[in-house]
N, C-alpha and C. Protein backbone atom coordinates (compact mmCIF):
# COMPACT_ATOMS: atom_id res chain seq x y z
N UNK A 1 86.70 122.58 130.01
CA UNK A 1 87.93 122.84 129.27
C UNK A 1 89.14 122.19 129.90
N UNK A 2 88.93 121.16 130.85
CA UNK A 2 89.85 120.37 131.48
C UNK A 2 90.43 119.24 130.73
N UNK A 3 89.55 118.86 129.59
CA UNK A 3 89.99 117.76 128.84
C UNK A 3 91.16 118.25 127.90
N UNK A 4 92.19 117.51 127.59
CA UNK A 4 93.25 117.84 126.78
C UNK A 4 92.66 117.92 125.24
N UNK A 5 91.71 117.15 124.94
CA UNK A 5 91.28 117.17 123.53
C UNK A 5 90.50 118.38 123.24
N UNK A 6 89.93 118.97 124.25
CA UNK A 6 89.11 120.17 123.99
C UNK A 6 90.03 121.29 123.63
N UNK A 7 91.24 121.36 124.01
CA UNK A 7 92.17 122.47 123.65
C UNK A 7 92.93 122.20 122.47
N UNK A 8 92.79 120.97 121.81
CA UNK A 8 93.66 120.76 120.75
C UNK A 8 92.83 121.27 119.43
N UNK A 9 93.57 121.97 118.46
CA UNK A 9 92.94 122.44 117.31
C UNK A 9 92.51 121.28 116.24
N UNK A 10 91.34 121.52 115.63
CA UNK A 10 90.86 120.59 114.67
C UNK A 10 91.01 120.96 113.35
N UNK A 11 92.04 120.28 112.57
CA UNK A 11 92.33 120.83 111.17
C UNK A 11 91.58 119.87 110.29
N UNK A 12 90.81 118.99 110.65
CA UNK A 12 89.91 118.23 109.71
C UNK A 12 90.85 117.19 109.10
N UNK A 13 92.09 116.80 109.64
CA UNK A 13 92.95 115.89 109.11
C UNK A 13 92.32 114.52 109.15
N UNK A 14 92.19 113.72 108.05
CA UNK A 14 91.68 112.36 108.07
C UNK A 14 92.74 111.54 107.36
N UNK A 15 93.00 110.36 108.01
CA UNK A 15 93.93 109.47 107.49
C UNK A 15 93.29 108.33 106.49
N UNK A 16 93.77 108.28 105.26
CA UNK A 16 93.23 107.44 104.31
C UNK A 16 94.25 106.42 103.99
N UNK A 17 94.07 105.03 104.47
CA UNK A 17 94.99 104.02 104.28
C UNK A 17 94.50 103.15 103.02
N UNK A 18 93.41 103.64 102.34
CA UNK A 18 93.06 102.67 101.17
C UNK A 18 94.10 102.53 100.24
N UNK A 19 94.77 103.62 99.88
CA UNK A 19 95.69 103.48 98.78
C UNK A 19 96.96 102.76 99.25
N UNK A 20 97.31 102.84 100.52
CA UNK A 20 98.41 102.05 100.98
C UNK A 20 98.27 100.54 100.73
N UNK A 21 97.07 100.09 100.89
CA UNK A 21 96.89 98.68 100.75
C UNK A 21 96.80 98.02 99.32
N UNK A 22 96.79 98.97 98.46
CA UNK A 22 96.80 98.53 96.97
C UNK A 22 98.30 97.97 96.61
N UNK A 23 98.22 97.04 95.77
CA UNK A 23 99.63 96.45 95.31
C UNK A 23 99.71 96.85 93.70
N UNK A 24 100.84 97.15 93.37
CA UNK A 24 101.06 97.30 91.90
C UNK A 24 100.53 98.80 91.41
N UNK A 25 100.56 98.90 90.01
CA UNK A 25 100.10 100.21 89.42
C UNK A 25 98.74 100.15 88.92
N UNK A 26 98.04 101.20 88.93
CA UNK A 26 96.64 101.09 88.25
C UNK A 26 96.92 101.56 86.87
N UNK A 27 95.87 101.44 86.09
CA UNK A 27 95.86 101.81 84.64
C UNK A 27 96.05 103.16 84.58
N UNK A 28 95.52 104.07 85.35
CA UNK A 28 95.86 105.46 85.29
C UNK A 28 97.21 105.83 85.64
N UNK A 29 97.97 105.13 86.52
CA UNK A 29 99.17 105.48 86.71
C UNK A 29 100.16 105.12 85.45
N UNK A 30 99.94 104.04 84.84
CA UNK A 30 100.64 103.57 83.66
C UNK A 30 100.44 104.58 82.50
N UNK A 31 99.13 105.03 82.35
CA UNK A 31 98.86 105.88 81.27
C UNK A 31 99.50 107.29 81.43
N UNK A 32 99.61 107.71 82.80
CA UNK A 32 100.31 109.00 83.15
C UNK A 32 101.69 108.77 82.90
N UNK A 33 102.43 107.74 83.31
CA UNK A 33 103.83 107.56 83.14
C UNK A 33 104.06 107.41 81.50
N UNK A 34 103.25 106.87 80.68
CA UNK A 34 103.42 106.80 79.32
C UNK A 34 103.37 108.23 78.58
N UNK A 35 102.31 108.95 79.14
CA UNK A 35 102.19 110.31 78.69
C UNK A 35 103.43 111.18 78.95
N UNK A 36 103.84 111.14 80.13
CA UNK A 36 105.03 111.95 80.57
C UNK A 36 106.27 111.49 79.68
N UNK A 37 106.67 110.21 79.65
CA UNK A 37 107.62 109.84 78.78
C UNK A 37 107.54 110.10 77.40
N UNK A 38 106.36 110.22 76.77
CA UNK A 38 106.23 110.49 75.34
C UNK A 38 106.49 111.99 75.22
N UNK A 39 106.07 112.80 76.05
CA UNK A 39 106.35 114.32 76.00
C UNK A 39 107.97 114.50 76.10
N UNK A 40 108.42 113.81 77.05
CA UNK A 40 109.98 113.96 77.25
C UNK A 40 110.76 113.49 75.94
N UNK A 41 110.42 112.34 75.48
CA UNK A 41 111.07 111.85 74.29
C UNK A 41 110.81 112.55 72.94
N UNK A 42 109.57 113.14 72.98
CA UNK A 42 109.19 114.00 71.80
C UNK A 42 109.94 115.29 71.68
N UNK A 43 110.16 115.94 72.95
CA UNK A 43 110.67 117.31 72.90
C UNK A 43 112.20 117.27 73.10
N UNK A 44 112.84 116.01 73.46
CA UNK A 44 114.28 116.08 73.60
C UNK A 44 115.06 116.41 72.35
N UNK A 45 114.64 115.99 71.14
CA UNK A 45 115.39 116.27 69.97
C UNK A 45 115.30 117.72 69.64
N UNK A 46 113.99 118.39 70.01
CA UNK A 46 113.91 119.78 69.69
C UNK A 46 114.61 120.54 70.57
N UNK A 47 114.87 120.28 71.93
CA UNK A 47 115.60 120.98 72.81
C UNK A 47 117.11 120.85 72.44
N UNK A 48 117.65 119.70 71.97
CA UNK A 48 118.92 119.46 71.66
C UNK A 48 119.34 120.34 70.35
N UNK A 49 118.45 120.35 69.38
CA UNK A 49 118.60 121.06 68.20
C UNK A 49 118.63 122.49 68.54
N UNK A 50 117.78 122.98 69.48
CA UNK A 50 117.81 124.50 69.87
C UNK A 50 118.97 124.75 70.44
N UNK A 51 119.60 123.89 71.47
CA UNK A 51 120.83 124.22 72.19
C UNK A 51 121.97 124.20 71.13
N UNK A 52 121.96 123.38 70.24
CA UNK A 52 123.12 123.38 69.21
C UNK A 52 122.99 124.70 68.35
N UNK A 53 121.92 125.16 68.08
CA UNK A 53 121.89 126.29 67.13
C UNK A 53 122.05 127.60 67.92
N UNK A 54 121.61 127.66 69.25
CA UNK A 54 121.82 128.86 69.90
C UNK A 54 123.26 128.94 70.52
N UNK A 55 123.81 127.86 70.96
CA UNK A 55 125.10 127.85 71.68
C UNK A 55 126.25 128.15 70.72
């Protein structure tokens, strides 16, 4: 137990740098963004109408 590494806890942390080397957006990223914006733009008139009727 004289070694410093023997005393250090092992949390199973692994570094994955594969994602950092990619440039640009993948197709999944674009589809996710389009989906989120479609939900926001679809629900915004409903929320505005609700706020006008309740307020």
